[in-house]
Amino acid sequence: MTPHPHTLFRLPFPAILALRYLKSTRKDAFVTFLSLVAGLGLALGVAVLILALGALSGFQEVLISEVLARTPQIEIELPVGTGLPEVNRTAERLASDPGVQGVRTVVKGPGWVLTEDRRPQTVEVVGIEGLDGLYLAADVAHPWGLEIGDRVQIASPRPTLTPLGPPQPRLRTRSLAGTLDRRGGPDDLPRAELPLDVAVSLLSPTPYRLELDVGGFARAPALAARLASWMGEPEGEPDGDQGMLPAGSRVRTWQEIEGPLFFVLRLEKAMMFVAVSLIVLVASLALVASLALVIANKRGEIGMLGAMGATPEGLQRAFLLYGLILGGTGALAGTVLGVAVAWVLDRWALLPVPEGVYFLDHVPFVVEPPDLGMIVAVTLVLALAASLYAARRAASLGPVEAMRR
C-alpha cells in the first residue's frame, strides 16, 4: 500500500526515494518483480536454514536427553585397589553432605554376552549396587529371542591366571531378569547390568565408581569443585571436609564425562549452519543483481536528482534503505515461514523415519532462540553488505554521467 502523500513529505529524502522505488509502475514492473524475487529468495533461504537447524537440534535434543538419562550428574572414580570397605565408608561420608541426594556404587568395563547358538556380542558390563539379576539391552535380547529366565553367559576380557595351566576365561552364567531400553547414542555399546559383586569378580582389578545425584545437572559443577578440594588420605575420622575422598580419586561432572559428544554435536551444528547459509548468501547475491538493475533502470533519474542537489550520501542511504527493506522483509517472512512449518511438522510428526534405524519414529524439530537470532543476524548482515555495495555504486554516479544514455 502506498503511503499517504502528506506522510511521505514528513519523511527524510532517502526514505521517500526508497519507498518510491519500491512502488511498481508499468515501465519498471519487471525490475520490481526481480526485486521481489530477490526478497523471496532470502525468505526461502532463511526458512530452509531454520528447518535444517531445527531438525538437527531436535535430533540432538533427543540424543542428549537419552545420553543424560544414563549419565551421572557427578562421577567419582576411586583409585584402583581401593577395597569395598573403604568404598562404603566414602559413600557414607558423601551421602551425609547436604548437597548430595543419593550415592550409588558401580563398576564398569567391556565384556561379552554368549549363548549356545549365537556369536559373542560385545557389551558394556555394569555392576550396580543393589541389583538382583542380569538385565540386558533390548537390542541384544530381542533379536536373539531371549526371554525372562533364559540362561546367559557373561565373559570378561581379563582371564584368570592358574599356576598349572593356561589362563582360563572368566565366565559367569546368570538368568535374564529383564531388558533395558536403548539409551545413549548410536555408537554406544549395549549394556549388561549385573549385581555389583558379580561384575567385580568379572572385571577385577577395576576401579570402583561412585555416582552422585545432586538434585540437578546445574548444581553439579559447583559441588564437583568442592569435592575435588576434599582429597586426602584420612587418618581415623575425617576432620571436617578434609579426607572426604581418598587421594588419587577422580571427580568428573556430566559435562566432562560427555564432553567429546557435546563437542561433536556443536561442531555438527556449526558445519550445518555454514553449509546451509550458502543459500542465504546466494540470495544476497541476487539482491545485489536486483539493486544493480534498479540503478541501471533509474540512471537518468539519479543523475537528475544529483543535478537538483541530492548529495551522494543521500542517494547512498536511499539505496541502502531500499535493500534493507527487501532484506528485512525477506528475513521476517522466512522466519515466520520456517518457524510455522517446523512447528507443524513436529506437532503432528509428519516426517517419519525408518523403524529400527533411529531411536525415534519421526523427525523432531526444535527451533532454539539463539539459532533463530543467529540466522536473522546473518541474513541482515548479508543483506546490508549487498545493499551497501549497490548503494555505493549509485552514489558514485556523477550527474552528467548518470544522465547520459
Protein backbone atom coordinates (compact mmCIF):
# COMPACT_ATOMS: atom_id res chain seq x y z
CA MET A 1 0.00 0.00 0.00
CA THR A 2 1.36 3.43 -0.98
CA PRO A 3 1.90 5.84 1.93
CA HIS A 4 -0.24 8.98 2.02
CA PRO A 5 1.48 11.94 0.28
CA HIS A 6 1.45 14.06 3.46
CA THR A 7 3.16 11.20 5.28
CA LEU A 8 5.85 10.96 2.60
CA PHE A 9 6.71 14.66 2.88
CA ARG A 10 7.37 14.24 6.59
CA LEU A 11 9.93 11.50 5.84
CA PRO A 12 13.58 12.23 5.07
CA PHE A 13 14.63 12.25 1.42
CA PRO A 14 16.37 8.78 1.43
CA ALA A 15 13.21 7.15 2.84
CA ILE A 16 10.96 8.90 0.29
CA LEU A 17 13.20 7.79 -2.59
CA ALA A 18 13.44 4.19 -1.32
CA LEU A 19 9.67 3.88 -0.92
CA ARG A 20 9.12 5.41 -4.34
CA TYR A 21 11.40 2.84 -5.98
CA LEU A 22 9.57 0.05 -4.18
CA LYS A 23 6.34 1.11 -5.89
CA SER A 24 5.86 -0.73 -9.18
CA THR A 25 4.92 1.13 -12.34
CA ARG A 26 4.17 -0.27 -15.75
CA LYS A 27 7.56 0.91 -17.01
CA ASP A 28 9.65 -0.78 -14.32
CA ALA A 29 7.31 -3.61 -13.31
CA PHE A 30 9.85 -6.25 -14.36
CA VAL A 31 12.60 -4.63 -12.26
CA THR A 32 10.29 -4.54 -9.26
CA PHE A 33 9.38 -8.18 -9.88
CA LEU A 34 13.06 -9.15 -9.80
CA SER A 35 13.46 -7.26 -6.52
CA LEU A 36 10.59 -9.23 -5.05
CA VAL A 37 12.18 -12.45 -6.31
CA ALA A 38 15.40 -11.49 -4.52
CA GLY A 39 13.45 -10.89 -1.30
CA LEU A 40 11.62 -14.19 -1.77
CA GLY A 41 14.97 -15.94 -2.22
CA LEU A 42 16.14 -14.56 1.11
CA ALA A 43 12.88 -15.68 2.73
CA LEU A 44 13.21 -19.22 1.39
CA GLY A 45 16.88 -19.35 2.39
CA VAL A 46 16.04 -18.29 5.94
CA ALA A 47 13.16 -20.80 6.13
CA VAL A 48 15.35 -23.66 4.88
CA LEU A 49 18.09 -22.73 7.34
CA ILE A 50 15.60 -22.68 10.22
CA LEU A 51 14.18 -26.07 9.23
CA ALA A 52 17.64 -27.63 8.82
CA LEU A 53 18.89 -26.40 12.18
CA GLY A 54 15.53 -27.18 13.79
CA ALA A 55 15.70 -30.81 12.65
CA LEU A 56 19.32 -31.11 13.76
CA SER A 57 18.53 -29.54 17.13
CA GLY A 58 15.58 -31.90 17.51
CA PHE A 59 17.70 -34.97 16.93
CA GLN A 60 20.43 -33.63 19.20
CA GLU A 61 17.99 -32.80 21.98
CA VAL A 62 16.56 -36.33 21.94
CA LEU A 63 20.06 -37.80 21.83
CA ILE A 64 21.28 -35.63 24.70
CA SER A 65 18.25 -36.47 26.83
CA GLU A 66 18.83 -40.18 26.21
CA VAL A 67 22.55 -39.86 26.99
CA LEU A 68 21.96 -37.83 30.14
CA ALA A 69 19.41 -40.39 31.32
CA ARG A 70 22.29 -42.82 31.88
CA THR A 71 24.99 -40.25 32.77
CA PRO A 72 25.59 -39.49 36.46
CA GLN A 73 25.49 -35.86 37.49
CA ILE A 74 28.84 -36.38 39.25
CA GLU A 75 31.06 -39.43 39.00
CA ILE A 76 33.92 -40.15 41.39
CA GLU A 77 36.39 -42.78 40.23
CA LEU A 78 38.27 -44.16 43.21
CA PRO A 79 41.87 -45.39 42.85
CA VAL A 80 42.40 -48.96 41.67
CA GLY A 81 42.93 -51.18 44.69
CA THR A 82 40.51 -49.32 46.95
CA GLY A 83 38.73 -52.02 48.94
CA LEU A 84 34.98 -52.30 49.26
CA PRO A 85 35.01 -51.32 52.99
CA GLU A 86 36.75 -48.02 52.14
CA VAL A 87 34.38 -47.54 49.19
CA ASN A 88 31.40 -47.94 51.53
CA ARG A 89 32.86 -45.51 54.08
CA THR A 90 33.48 -42.93 51.36
CA ALA A 91 29.94 -43.36 50.06
CA GLU A 92 28.56 -42.83 53.59
CA ARG A 93 30.61 -39.66 54.05
CA LEU A 94 29.42 -38.29 50.72
CA ALA A 95 25.79 -39.18 51.48
CA SER A 96 26.00 -37.11 54.66
CA ASP A 97 26.73 -33.96 52.67
CA PRO A 98 23.61 -31.76 52.38
CA GLY A 99 24.23 -31.17 48.66
CA VAL A 100 24.17 -34.90 47.84
CA GLN A 101 20.79 -36.57 47.46
CA GLY A 102 21.97 -40.06 46.52
CA VAL A 103 25.12 -42.17 46.07
CA ARG A 104 25.39 -45.35 44.01
CA THR A 105 28.41 -47.67 43.76
CA VAL A 106 29.14 -49.12 40.33
CA VAL A 107 31.90 -50.73 38.30
CA LYS A 108 32.17 -50.67 34.51
CA GLY A 109 34.16 -52.47 31.87
CA PRO A 110 33.96 -54.22 28.50
CA GLY A 111 32.75 -57.79 28.13
CA TRP A 112 30.74 -60.21 26.01
CA VAL A 113 27.43 -61.99 26.28
CA LEU A 114 27.17 -65.52 24.90
CA THR A 115 24.52 -68.13 24.31
CA GLU A 116 24.82 -71.64 22.91
CA ASP A 117 23.70 -70.76 19.38
CA ARG A 118 24.88 -67.15 18.99
CA ARG A 119 28.20 -65.46 18.32
CA PRO A 120 29.54 -63.32 21.21
CA GLN A 121 28.16 -59.79 21.41
CA THR A 122 30.33 -57.00 22.81
CA VAL A 123 28.65 -55.16 25.68
CA GLU A 124 29.47 -52.73 28.46
CA VAL A 125 29.33 -54.69 31.70
CA VAL A 126 27.97 -52.51 34.50
CA GLY A 127 27.87 -53.71 38.07
CA ILE A 128 25.35 -51.82 40.19
CA GLU A 129 24.94 -51.91 43.94
CA GLY A 130 21.59 -53.37 44.93
CA LEU A 131 20.82 -55.02 41.60
CA ASP A 132 19.43 -58.55 41.92
CA GLY A 133 19.86 -60.07 38.44
CA LEU A 134 21.04 -59.74 34.85
CA TYR A 135 19.48 -57.02 32.72
CA LEU A 136 20.45 -56.99 29.07
CA ALA A 137 19.95 -54.33 26.42
CA ALA A 138 16.76 -54.96 24.45
CA ASP A 139 18.54 -54.54 21.11
CA VAL A 140 20.58 -57.64 22.00
CA ALA A 141 17.99 -59.70 23.87
CA HIS A 142 15.12 -59.30 21.38
CA PRO A 143 16.99 -60.24 18.16
CA TRP A 144 18.42 -63.25 19.98
CA GLY A 145 14.95 -64.35 21.04
CA LEU A 146 15.87 -64.28 24.73
CA GLU A 147 13.08 -64.41 27.28
CA ILE A 148 12.96 -63.79 31.00
CA GLY A 149 14.59 -66.73 32.79
CA ASP A 150 16.86 -67.79 29.90
CA ARG A 151 20.46 -68.55 30.88
CA VAL A 152 23.09 -66.17 29.50
CA GLN A 153 26.86 -66.24 29.91
CA ILE A 154 28.88 -63.09 30.57
CA ALA A 155 32.57 -63.23 29.66
CA SER A 156 35.35 -60.89 30.71
CA PRO A 157 38.36 -59.91 28.55
CA ARG A 158 40.54 -60.44 31.62
CA PRO A 159 41.41 -64.13 32.10
CA THR A 160 42.09 -65.87 35.37
CA LEU A 161 45.72 -66.97 35.77
CA THR A 162 46.29 -70.53 37.02
CA PRO A 163 49.58 -71.99 38.30
CA LEU A 164 49.24 -75.31 36.50
CA GLY A 165 47.72 -74.45 33.15
CA PRO A 166 46.95 -71.77 30.65
CA PRO A 167 44.88 -68.72 31.62
CA GLN A 168 41.21 -69.50 31.97
CA PRO A 169 38.42 -67.21 30.77
CA ARG A 170 36.22 -65.60 33.37
CA LEU A 171 32.64 -66.68 32.75
CA ARG A 172 29.53 -66.07 34.81
CA THR A 173 26.16 -67.59 33.96
CA ARG A 174 23.02 -65.77 35.02
CA SER A 175 19.32 -65.93 34.24
CA LEU A 176 17.90 -62.98 32.34
CA ALA A 177 15.85 -60.89 34.78
CA GLY A 178 14.79 -58.14 32.37
CA THR A 179 15.71 -55.97 29.40
CA LEU A 180 16.92 -52.39 29.08
CA ASP A 181 15.65 -49.88 26.59
CA ARG A 182 18.23 -48.43 24.25
CA ARG A 183 19.77 -45.42 25.94
CA GLY A 184 22.55 -43.29 24.54
CA GLY A 185 23.97 -42.62 21.14
CA PRO A 186 24.08 -44.97 18.17
CA ASP A 187 27.77 -45.72 18.80
CA ASP A 188 27.32 -46.67 22.47
CA LEU A 189 27.78 -50.31 23.39
CA PRO A 190 24.72 -52.24 24.58
CA ARG A 191 24.66 -52.59 28.34
CA ALA A 192 24.62 -55.70 30.51
CA GLU A 193 23.80 -54.76 34.10
CA LEU A 194 24.74 -57.18 36.88
CA PRO A 195 24.88 -57.25 40.67
CA LEU A 196 27.94 -55.39 41.90
CA ASP A 197 29.76 -58.42 43.35
CA VAL A 198 29.33 -60.44 40.14
CA ALA A 199 30.66 -57.60 37.98
CA VAL A 200 33.64 -57.09 40.32
CA SER A 201 34.56 -60.77 40.04
CA LEU A 202 34.46 -60.46 36.25
CA LEU A 203 36.27 -57.13 35.82
CA SER A 204 38.71 -57.07 38.75
CA PRO A 205 41.01 -55.27 39.04
CA THR A 206 38.87 -52.29 38.09
CA PRO A 207 38.19 -49.04 39.93
CA TYR A 208 35.01 -48.54 41.87
CA ARG A 209 32.93 -45.53 40.87
CA LEU A 210 30.53 -43.51 42.97
CA GLU A 211 27.66 -41.90 41.05
CA LEU A 212 26.16 -38.92 42.82
CA ASP A 213 22.70 -37.43 42.47
CA VAL A 214 22.97 -33.77 43.48
CA GLY A 215 19.43 -32.68 42.63
CA GLY A 216 20.05 -31.36 39.13
CA PHE A 217 22.69 -31.10 36.43
CA ALA A 218 23.08 -27.36 37.03
CA ARG A 219 24.31 -27.99 40.60
CA ALA A 220 26.99 -30.46 39.57
CA PRO A 221 29.91 -28.11 38.65
CA ALA A 222 29.96 -26.22 41.97
CA LEU A 223 29.68 -29.36 44.09
CA ALA A 224 32.29 -31.19 41.99
CA ALA A 225 34.75 -28.34 42.58
CA ARG A 226 34.10 -28.58 46.31
CA LEU A 227 34.54 -32.36 46.27
CA ALA A 228 37.85 -32.06 44.42
CA SER A 229 39.17 -29.96 47.29
CA TRP A 230 38.32 -32.74 49.75
CA MET A 231 41.06 -35.04 48.51
CA GLY A 232 43.34 -36.62 51.08
CA GLU A 233 44.12 -39.78 52.97
CA PRO A 234 42.07 -39.67 56.16
CA GLU A 235 43.69 -40.79 59.37
CA GLY A 236 40.92 -42.04 61.56
CA GLU A 237 37.79 -39.92 61.27
CA PRO A 238 37.93 -37.08 58.73
CA ASP A 239 38.41 -33.57 60.13
CA GLY A 240 35.55 -31.60 58.62
CA ASP A 241 35.80 -31.72 54.87
CA GLN A 242 39.38 -32.92 54.74
CA GLY A 243 39.86 -36.56 53.84
CA MET A 244 36.37 -36.95 52.39
CA LEU A 245 37.86 -38.70 49.31
CA PRO A 246 40.90 -40.98 49.05
CA ALA A 247 43.96 -39.44 47.43
CA GLY A 248 44.04 -40.10 43.71
CA SER A 249 40.28 -40.04 43.26
CA ARG A 250 38.99 -38.51 40.05
CA VAL A 251 35.95 -36.23 40.19
CA ARG A 252 34.08 -35.58 36.94
CA THR A 253 30.81 -33.84 36.14
CA TRP A 254 28.37 -34.91 33.44
CA GLN A 255 29.85 -32.20 31.22
CA GLU A 256 33.30 -33.76 31.43
CA ILE A 257 32.03 -37.32 31.04
CA GLU A 258 30.13 -36.49 27.84
CA GLY A 259 32.44 -33.67 26.74
CA PRO A 260 33.56 -35.30 23.46
CA LEU A 261 29.95 -35.96 22.46
CA PHE A 262 28.90 -32.37 23.18
CA PHE A 263 31.87 -31.06 21.17
CA VAL A 264 30.93 -33.20 18.18
CA LEU A 265 27.31 -32.02 18.38
CA ARG A 266 28.36 -28.37 18.49
CA LEU A 267 30.71 -28.91 15.57
CA GLU A 268 27.97 -30.68 13.62
CA LYS A 269 25.57 -27.78 14.12
CA ALA A 270 28.23 -25.20 13.16
CA MET A 271 29.05 -27.06 9.95
CA MET A 272 25.35 -27.40 9.11
CA PHE A 273 24.85 -23.68 9.71
CA VAL A 274 27.76 -22.73 7.43
CA ALA A 275 26.67 -25.13 4.68
CA VAL A 276 23.01 -24.10 4.58
CA SER A 277 23.91 -20.40 4.96
CA LEU A 278 25.25 -20.59 1.41
CA ILE A 279 21.61 -20.49 0.29
CA VAL A 280 21.19 -17.13 2.02
CA LEU A 281 24.49 -15.97 0.50
CA VAL A 282 23.27 -16.81 -3.00
CA ALA A 283 20.03 -14.96 -2.31
CA SER A 284 22.06 -11.95 -1.17
CA LEU A 285 23.97 -12.01 -4.46
CA ALA A 286 20.61 -11.99 -6.24
CA LEU A 287 19.77 -8.91 -4.17
CA VAL A 288 22.95 -7.24 -5.44
CA ALA A 289 21.94 -8.01 -9.02
CA SER A 290 18.43 -6.68 -8.38
CA LEU A 291 19.74 -3.43 -6.92
CA ALA A 292 22.19 -3.04 -9.77
CA LEU A 293 19.32 -3.45 -12.22
CA VAL A 294 17.27 -0.81 -10.36
CA ILE A 295 20.22 1.59 -10.52
CA ALA A 296 20.67 0.96 -14.23
CA ASN A 297 16.95 1.46 -14.84
CA LYS A 298 16.88 4.68 -12.78
CA ARG A 299 20.20 6.00 -14.06
CA GLY A 300 18.77 9.09 -15.68
CA GLU A 301 16.59 9.88 -12.69
CA ILE A 302 19.55 9.51 -10.36
CA GLY A 303 21.53 11.97 -12.46
CA MET A 304 18.64 14.45 -12.42
CA LEU A 305 18.36 14.17 -8.64
CA GLY A 306 22.07 14.82 -8.33
CA ALA A 307 21.81 17.87 -10.56
CA MET A 308 18.93 19.15 -8.40
CA GLY A 309 21.09 18.98 -5.27
CA ALA A 310 20.76 15.43 -3.95
CA THR A 311 24.02 14.55 -2.24
CA PRO A 312 25.86 11.27 -2.91
CA GLU A 313 25.38 10.41 0.77
CA GLY A 314 21.63 10.86 0.44
CA LEU A 315 21.48 8.67 -2.65
CA GLN A 316 23.60 6.04 -0.93
CA ARG A 317 21.31 5.99 2.11
CA ALA A 318 18.26 5.71 -0.15
CA PHE A 319 19.50 2.59 -1.93
CA LEU A 320 20.85 1.20 1.31
CA LEU A 321 17.40 1.57 2.84
CA TYR A 322 15.83 0.07 -0.30
CA GLY A 323 17.98 -3.05 0.04
CA LEU A 324 17.43 -3.30 3.79
CA ILE A 325 13.66 -3.13 3.34
CA LEU A 326 13.83 -6.02 0.88
CA GLY A 327 16.28 -7.98 3.03
CA GLY A 328 14.44 -7.30 6.30
CA THR A 329 11.10 -8.23 4.78
CA GLY A 330 12.59 -11.42 3.37
CA ALA A 331 14.21 -12.30 6.72
CA LEU A 332 10.95 -11.68 8.60
CA ALA A 333 8.85 -13.67 6.13
CA GLY A 334 11.37 -16.53 6.12
CA THR A 335 11.48 -16.59 9.91
CA VAL A 336 7.70 -16.78 10.21
CA LEU A 337 7.51 -19.43 7.48
CA GLY A 338 10.34 -21.55 8.89
CA VAL A 339 9.06 -21.46 12.48
CA ALA A 340 5.50 -22.22 11.39
CA VAL A 341 6.47 -25.17 9.18
CA ALA A 342 8.80 -26.56 11.86
CA TRP A 343 6.02 -26.36 14.45
CA VAL A 344 3.52 -28.11 12.17
CA LEU A 345 5.98 -30.88 11.20
CA ASP A 346 6.92 -31.50 14.84
CA ARG A 347 3.42 -31.14 16.29
CA TRP A 348 1.88 -33.78 14.04
CA ALA A 349 5.05 -35.87 13.40
CA LEU A 350 4.66 -35.54 9.63
CA LEU A 351 8.16 -36.78 8.73
CA PRO A 352 8.52 -40.44 9.81
CA VAL A 353 11.89 -42.21 9.87
CA PRO A 354 12.53 -45.94 9.32
CA GLU A 355 11.91 -48.03 12.41
CA GLY A 356 14.92 -49.85 13.76
CA VAL A 357 17.36 -47.40 12.18
CA TYR A 358 16.92 -44.48 14.58
CA PHE A 359 15.94 -44.37 18.23
CA LEU A 360 12.75 -42.39 17.47
CA ASP A 361 9.96 -42.72 14.94
CA HIS A 362 9.80 -39.24 13.37
CA VAL A 363 11.95 -36.21 12.69
CA PRO A 364 11.68 -33.82 15.65
CA PHE A 365 12.03 -30.07 15.16
CA VAL A 366 13.27 -27.76 17.90
CA VAL A 367 13.79 -24.11 16.94
CA GLU A 368 16.11 -22.65 19.57
CA PRO A 369 16.06 -18.85 20.14
CA PRO A 370 19.88 -18.47 19.87
CA ASP A 371 19.84 -20.26 16.50
CA LEU A 372 16.94 -18.09 15.35
CA GLY A 373 18.74 -14.92 16.39
CA MET A 374 21.92 -16.01 14.62
CA ILE A 375 20.03 -16.82 11.41
CA VAL A 376 18.29 -13.44 11.35
CA ALA A 377 21.52 -11.61 12.20
CA VAL A 378 23.50 -13.33 9.43
CA THR A 379 20.71 -12.66 6.92
CA LEU A 380 20.56 -8.98 7.80
CA VAL A 381 24.34 -8.63 7.67
CA LEU A 382 24.46 -10.21 4.20
CA ALA A 383 21.56 -8.03 3.03
CA LEU A 384 23.34 -4.97 4.45
CA ALA A 385 26.56 -5.87 2.66
CA ALA A 386 24.72 -6.39 -0.63
CA SER A 387 22.80 -3.14 -0.24
CA LEU A 388 25.91 -1.19 0.72
CA TYR A 389 27.76 -2.36 -2.36
CA ALA A 390 24.93 -1.33 -4.66
CA ALA A 391 24.34 1.94 -2.78
CA ARG A 392 27.95 2.97 -3.23
CA ARG A 393 27.65 2.31 -6.94
CA ALA A 394 24.64 4.60 -7.10
CA ALA A 395 26.35 7.32 -5.08
CA SER A 396 29.43 7.23 -7.30
CA LEU A 397 27.47 8.26 -10.41
CA GLY A 398 28.04 11.90 -11.34
CA PRO A 399 25.00 13.89 -12.52
CA VAL A 400 26.31 14.37 -16.07
CA GLU A 401 27.50 10.78 -16.40
CA ALA A 402 24.25 9.39 -14.97
CA MET A 403 22.06 11.35 -17.40
CA ARG A 404 23.95 10.07 -20.43
CA ARG A 405 22.13 7.22 -22.13
